[in-house]
Protein backbone atom coordinates (compact mmCIF):
# COMPACT_ATOMS: atom_id res chain seq x y z
CA MET A 1 -1.21 -40.38 -67.64
CA GLY A 2 -1.22 -37.82 -64.80
CA CYS A 3 1.17 -35.80 -62.89
CA CYS A 4 2.27 -36.67 -59.38
CA GLU A 5 1.93 -33.74 -56.59
CA SER A 6 1.97 -33.70 -52.94
CA ILE A 7 0.11 -31.41 -50.32
CA GLU A 8 2.02 -30.41 -47.34
CA GLU A 9 0.61 -31.02 -43.93
CA SER A 10 -1.98 -28.25 -42.68
CA ASN A 11 -2.52 -27.20 -46.30
CA VAL A 12 -5.30 -27.34 -48.77
CA GLY A 13 -4.17 -27.62 -52.36
CA VAL A 14 -6.50 -25.67 -55.16
CA ILE A 15 -6.74 -27.67 -58.09
CA GLU A 16 -7.51 -26.09 -61.39
CA SER A 17 -8.55 -27.53 -64.81
CA CYS A 18 -7.75 -25.47 -67.74
CA GLY A 19 -7.91 -22.48 -65.72
CA LYS A 20 -10.85 -22.77 -63.76
CA PHE A 21 -11.21 -24.18 -60.43
CA ASP A 22 -12.00 -27.95 -60.04
CA TYR A 23 -11.58 -29.08 -56.41
CA LEU A 24 -9.76 -28.90 -53.17
CA ALA A 25 -7.04 -31.46 -52.51
CA SER A 26 -6.18 -32.70 -48.82
CA ALA A 27 -2.56 -32.93 -47.48
CA GLY A 28 -0.71 -35.97 -49.00
CA PHE A 29 -0.34 -37.32 -52.44
CA VAL A 30 -2.22 -35.96 -55.28
CA CYS A 31 -2.56 -37.03 -58.88
CA VAL A 32 -3.93 -34.66 -61.55
CA ASN A 33 -4.25 -35.11 -65.02
CA CYS A 34 -1.64 -33.00 -66.91
CA PHE A 35 -3.20 -33.87 -70.38
CA ALA A 36 -6.38 -32.49 -69.25
CA CYS A 37 -4.52 -29.30 -68.17
CA GLU A 38 -5.18 -29.76 -64.38
CA ARG A 39 -2.45 -28.29 -61.92
CA VAL A 40 -2.09 -27.50 -58.49
CA ALA A 41 -2.76 -23.78 -58.80
CA ALA A 42 -1.97 -22.89 -55.05
CA ARG A 43 -1.45 -24.25 -51.54
CA VAL A 44 -3.53 -22.59 -49.06
CA SER A 45 -1.98 -22.85 -45.53
CA LEU A 46 -4.31 -23.57 -42.63
CA ARG A 47 -2.16 -22.60 -39.93
CA VAL A 48 -2.55 -19.77 -37.55
CA GLN A 49 -0.65 -16.76 -38.69
CA GLN A 50 -0.10 -13.37 -37.12
CA LEU A 51 0.42 -9.93 -38.53
CA ASN A 52 1.81 -6.91 -36.86
CA VAL A 53 0.44 -3.59 -37.92
CA VAL A 54 2.23 -0.46 -36.55
CA LEU A 55 0.43 2.95 -37.24
CA GLU A 56 0.72 6.44 -36.02
CA THR A 57 -2.05 8.38 -34.68
CA LYS A 58 -2.82 10.95 -32.12
CA THR A 59 -5.01 11.10 -29.08
CA LYS A 60 -7.47 13.61 -27.74
CA ASP A 61 -5.11 15.63 -25.98
CA ASN A 62 -3.11 15.99 -29.28
CA VAL A 63 -0.24 13.37 -28.44
CA PHE A 64 1.32 11.46 -31.61
CA VAL A 65 1.67 7.64 -30.53
CA HIS A 66 2.78 4.68 -32.10
CA ILE A 67 0.45 1.61 -31.66
CA THR A 68 1.40 -1.74 -32.44
CA VAL A 69 -1.59 -4.37 -32.98
CA ALA A 70 -0.87 -7.93 -33.43
CA VAL A 71 -3.55 -9.96 -35.36
CA GLN A 72 -4.00 -13.57 -35.19
CA TYR A 73 -5.92 -15.17 -38.11
CA GLN A 74 -6.49 -18.60 -39.96
CA VAL A 75 -7.99 -19.75 -43.18
CA LEU A 76 -11.10 -21.86 -42.64
CA ARG A 77 -10.86 -25.20 -44.25
CA ALA A 78 -14.53 -24.97 -45.60
CA LYS A 79 -13.61 -21.84 -47.22
CA ALA A 80 -10.44 -22.02 -48.65
CA TYR A 81 -12.06 -21.47 -51.97
CA GLU A 82 -13.17 -17.95 -50.88
CA ALA A 83 -9.91 -17.36 -49.08
CA TYR A 84 -7.81 -18.05 -52.42
CA TYR A 85 -9.95 -16.46 -54.81
CA LYS A 86 -11.78 -13.48 -53.16
CA LEU A 87 -8.70 -11.77 -51.85
CA ALA A 88 -5.70 -10.88 -53.50
CA ASN A 89 -3.54 -9.87 -50.64
CA PRO A 90 -5.16 -10.56 -47.29
CA GLN A 91 -2.80 -8.97 -45.00
CA GLU A 92 -3.07 -5.56 -46.86
CA GLN A 93 -6.97 -6.03 -46.26
CA ILE A 94 -6.43 -6.68 -42.55
CA LYS A 95 -3.81 -3.67 -42.26
CA ALA A 96 -6.49 -1.24 -43.70
CA HIS A 97 -9.31 -2.39 -41.44
CA VAL A 98 -6.90 -2.29 -38.50
CA SER A 99 -5.58 1.46 -39.36
CA ALA A 100 -9.06 2.65 -40.11
CA ALA A 101 -10.51 1.43 -36.71
CA ILE A 102 -7.75 2.59 -34.74
CA ARG A 103 -7.62 6.34 -36.06
CA ALA A 104 -11.35 6.37 -35.84
CA ARG A 105 -11.25 5.65 -31.95
CA ALA A 106 -7.73 6.96 -30.45
CA PRO A 107 -8.40 10.58 -31.30
CA LYS A 108 -11.59 10.45 -29.00
CA ILE A 109 -9.51 9.00 -26.07
CA PRO A 110 -6.53 11.11 -23.82
CA LEU A 111 -3.27 9.45 -23.72
CA ASP A 112 -3.77 7.91 -20.16
CA GLY A 113 -7.10 6.90 -20.98
CA LEU A 114 -5.85 4.79 -24.06
CA PHE A 115 -3.43 2.77 -21.81
CA GLU A 116 -6.67 1.94 -19.64
CA VAL A 117 -8.86 0.87 -22.67
CA LYS A 118 -6.73 -0.82 -25.06
CA GLU A 119 -8.36 -4.28 -24.04
CA ASP A 120 -11.74 -2.82 -24.89
CA LEU A 121 -10.44 -1.27 -27.96
CA ALA A 122 -8.76 -4.72 -29.12
CA GLN A 123 -11.98 -6.80 -28.64
CA ASP A 124 -13.88 -4.11 -30.75
CA LEU A 125 -11.21 -4.40 -33.29
CA LYS A 126 -11.66 -8.22 -33.29
CA LYS A 127 -15.40 -8.04 -33.82
CA GLU A 128 -15.01 -5.54 -36.87
CA LEU A 129 -12.46 -7.69 -38.51
CA LEU A 130 -14.52 -10.81 -38.05
CA GLY A 131 -17.39 -9.26 -39.88
CA ALA A 132 -15.06 -7.97 -42.73
CA MET A 133 -13.03 -11.19 -43.33
CA SER A 134 -15.36 -14.15 -42.50
CA ASP A 135 -16.96 -13.63 -45.95
CA CYS A 136 -13.41 -14.19 -47.41
CA GLY A 137 -12.86 -17.32 -45.71
CA TYR A 138 -10.68 -16.05 -42.98
CA THR A 139 -11.42 -16.01 -38.99
CA ILE A 140 -9.81 -13.87 -36.49
CA LEU A 141 -8.53 -15.68 -33.66
CA ASP A 142 -7.38 -12.86 -31.43
CA VAL A 143 -6.46 -9.11 -31.64
CA LEU A 144 -3.87 -7.74 -29.41
CA ILE A 145 -2.72 -4.09 -28.82
CA THR A 146 1.12 -4.98 -27.71
CA ASP A 147 2.35 -1.50 -27.49
CA ILE A 148 1.56 2.04 -27.25
CA GLU A 149 4.36 4.22 -27.74
CA PRO A 150 4.45 7.94 -27.44
CA ASP A 151 7.02 10.55 -27.99
CA ALA A 152 10.23 10.34 -25.99
CA ALA A 153 9.62 13.55 -24.32
CA VAL A 154 5.80 12.81 -23.55
CA LYS A 155 7.16 9.53 -21.81
CA HIS A 156 9.80 11.71 -19.67
CA SER A 157 7.00 14.05 -18.66
CA MET A 158 4.73 11.02 -17.69
CA ASN A 159 7.33 9.59 -15.65
CA GLU A 160 7.98 12.55 -13.83
CA ILE A 161 4.20 13.16 -13.37
CA ASN A 162 4.08 9.60 -11.72
CA ALA A 163 7.12 9.99 -9.60
CA ALA A 164 5.74 13.26 -8.00
CA GLU A 165 2.56 11.49 -7.66
CA ARG A 166 4.40 8.61 -5.72
CA GLN A 167 6.35 11.14 -3.65
CA ARG A 168 3.22 12.89 -2.65
CA GLN A 169 1.62 9.63 -1.64
CA ALA A 170 4.86 8.64 0.46
CA ALA A 171 4.66 12.07 2.26
CA LEU A 172 0.89 11.42 3.23
CA SER A 173 1.58 7.92 4.23
CA LYS A 174 4.48 9.27 6.35
CA ALA A 175 2.29 12.02 8.00
CA GLU A 176 -0.46 9.71 8.64
CA THR A 177 1.71 7.19 10.33
CA ALA A 178 3.28 10.00 12.40
CA LYS A 179 -0.26 11.23 13.49
CA ILE A 180 -1.34 7.59 14.42
CA LEU A 181 1.87 7.26 16.33
CA ARG A 182 1.35 10.52 18.43
CA VAL A 183 -2.55 9.73 18.92
CA LYS A 184 -1.52 6.20 20.30
CA GLU A 185 1.20 7.85 22.44
CA ALA A 186 -1.52 10.51 23.78
CA GLU A 187 -3.98 7.58 24.52
CA ALA A 188 -1.21 5.67 26.45
CA GLU A 189 -0.26 8.62 28.47
CA ALA A 190 -3.84 9.33 29.27
CA GLU A 191 -4.40 5.78 30.23
CA SER A 192 -1.04 5.93 32.36
CA ARG A 193 -2.37 9.08 34.27
CA HIS A 194 -5.58 7.58 34.92
CA LEU A 195 -4.26 4.37 36.34
CA ALA A 196 -1.72 6.45 38.38
CA GLY A 197 -4.54 8.49 39.76
CA LYS A 198 -6.36 5.58 40.51
CA GLY A 199 -3.24 3.89 42.33
CA LEU A 200 -2.71 7.04 44.17
CA ALA A 201 -6.27 7.36 45.21
CA MET A 202 -6.08 3.73 46.62
CA ALA A 203 -2.84 4.45 48.29
CA ARG A 204 -4.17 7.34 50.03
CA ALA A 205 -7.40 5.48 51.01
CA GLU A 206 -5.30 2.94 52.40
CA ILE A 207 -3.16 5.26 54.30
CA VAL A 208 -6.22 6.95 55.78
CA ASN A 209 -7.69 3.43 56.64
CA GLY A 210 -4.25 2.80 58.61
CA LEU A 211 -4.30 6.01 60.52
CA GLU A 212 -7.67 5.85 61.65
CA ALA A 213 -6.97 2.25 62.80
CA SER A 214 -3.84 3.36 64.76
CA VAL A 215 -5.60 6.34 66.47
CA SER A 216 -8.49 4.38 67.37
CA HIS A 217 -6.25 1.50 68.83
CA PHE A 218 -4.14 4.13 70.68
CA THR A 219 -6.81 6.28 72.20
CA THR A 220 -8.52 2.72 73.28
CA HIS A 221 -5.56 1.20 75.03
CA VAL A 222 -3.70 4.45 76.38
CA GLU A 223 -6.04 6.36 78.69
CA GLY A 224 -6.01 10.30 78.65
CA THR A 225 -4.91 10.86 75.04
CA ARG A 226 -6.99 12.39 72.36
CA PRO A 227 -7.30 11.82 68.72
CA GLY A 228 -5.72 14.93 67.97
CA ASP A 229 -2.58 14.39 70.02
CA VAL A 230 -2.05 10.69 68.46
CA MET A 231 -2.36 12.64 64.96
CA GLN A 232 0.48 15.08 65.87
CA LEU A 233 2.67 12.01 66.99
CA ILE A 234 1.89 10.20 63.75
CA LEU A 235 2.57 13.27 61.70
CA ALA A 236 5.97 14.00 63.46
CA THR A 237 6.97 10.36 62.93
CA GLN A 238 6.30 10.46 59.18
CA TYR A 239 7.97 13.79 59.07
CA PHE A 240 11.31 12.37 60.70
CA ASP A 241 11.07 9.38 58.29
CA THR A 242 11.03 11.64 55.28
CA LEU A 243 14.06 13.45 56.73
CA LYS A 244 15.80 10.14 57.26
CA GLU A 245 14.89 9.11 53.54
CA ILE A 246 16.28 12.36 52.20
CA GLY A 247 19.56 12.30 54.23
CA SER A 248 20.23 8.81 52.97
CA HIS A 249 21.08 10.03 49.41
CA SER A 250 23.92 12.01 49.05
CA ASN A 251 22.88 13.93 45.96
CA SER A 252 19.47 15.16 47.61
CA ASN A 253 18.69 18.92 47.29
CA VAL A 254 16.18 19.71 49.67
CA VAL A 255 14.27 22.99 50.01
CA TYR A 256 11.98 23.45 52.92
CA LEU A 257 8.77 25.28 52.34
CA PRO A 258 5.53 25.93 54.81
CA HIS A 259 3.65 22.55 54.57
CA SER A 260 2.45 21.75 58.04
CA MET A 261 -1.13 21.67 58.88
CA ASN A 262 -0.09 22.31 62.55
CA PRO A 263 0.92 25.93 63.10
CA ASP A 264 2.55 24.80 66.25
CA ILE A 265 4.86 21.73 66.08
CA GLY A 266 5.29 22.13 62.30
CA ASP A 267 6.65 25.52 62.31
CA ARG A 268 8.83 24.65 65.23
CA MET A 269 10.22 21.82 63.80
CA ARG A 270 10.90 23.62 60.35
CA GLU A 271 12.48 26.53 61.95
CA ALA A 272 14.73 24.26 64.30
CA LEU A 273 16.07 22.30 61.01
CA ILE A 274 16.54 25.41 59.10
CA THR A 275 18.38 27.52 61.42
CA GLY A 276 20.40 24.74 62.98
CA GLN A 277 19.36 25.61 66.44
CA ALA A 278 19.09 22.51 68.79
CA PRO A 279 16.79 22.17 71.65
CA THR A 280 18.60 23.98 74.65
CA MET A 281 19.92 21.14 77.04
CA SER A 282 21.04 21.93 80.66
CA LEU A 283 24.77 20.62 81.43
CA PRO A 284 25.83 19.27 84.90
CA LYS A 285 27.45 21.71 87.23
CA LYS A 286 30.86 19.95 87.39
CA ALA A 287 30.83 19.68 83.40
CA ALA A 288 30.26 23.39 83.25
CA ASN A 289 32.93 24.33 85.89
CA SER A 290 35.49 22.10 84.21
CA SER A 291 34.70 23.64 80.81
CA SER A 292 35.25 27.06 82.40
CA GLN A 293 38.58 26.34 83.73
């Protein structure tokens, strides 16, 4: 006669006979010979398991931190015998290896560097655990450093340092932006003045060409005129046109300064306008007599 047993899915049954290992039973119905002292000694899980290891260590700059390491491991089906008989407590074995590896490496790394190299540290730890646990029937699927928790005061100081650095970067960025704007404004002003100068030069060239054509035309068609006389007439016309333009605006403030190239007509016109003296005009005798009466 035999005893009926069942092995759950994703498990391997360890069958012993008279206290000695006999064979491994797969998942499902298992019939053991109870009279021959056969029994299911254990059920070894083949599922992926995770062990979280939390340990305290210090860094190179003498800051104590709590590091959380997640180890994902699994029993190899072909080595279920070693997994059951070689290790009495595999979780404690894994914890011991993780603690030894972390405490050997972390004191050589400053706190800021520890955050940067945690992925490399996890990979090195995985290789070390694979070498130590493979002979015992276990494979290490992954090792993750999930948390590095320094003291609260240290965290506060780190946050203040980061905040100050970000403010400095913001100030530098703002200053750089202001510099770019000023440079662009200066370039635009320089370009504007350059174009205005070119426009003024072109306008003056056109004025000179027009004056030259006017003088040539006038001296050609009017006999006895000299180019100097024509230029005096043109300048006088321009002068009165300017006065007309200024007088058309009620808010114009005009200060007359010596500017005429002609020491004769220009001075006389300016003095007459400033002092308010009009050219003397002769009145008829009748009008003079009537006014005296």
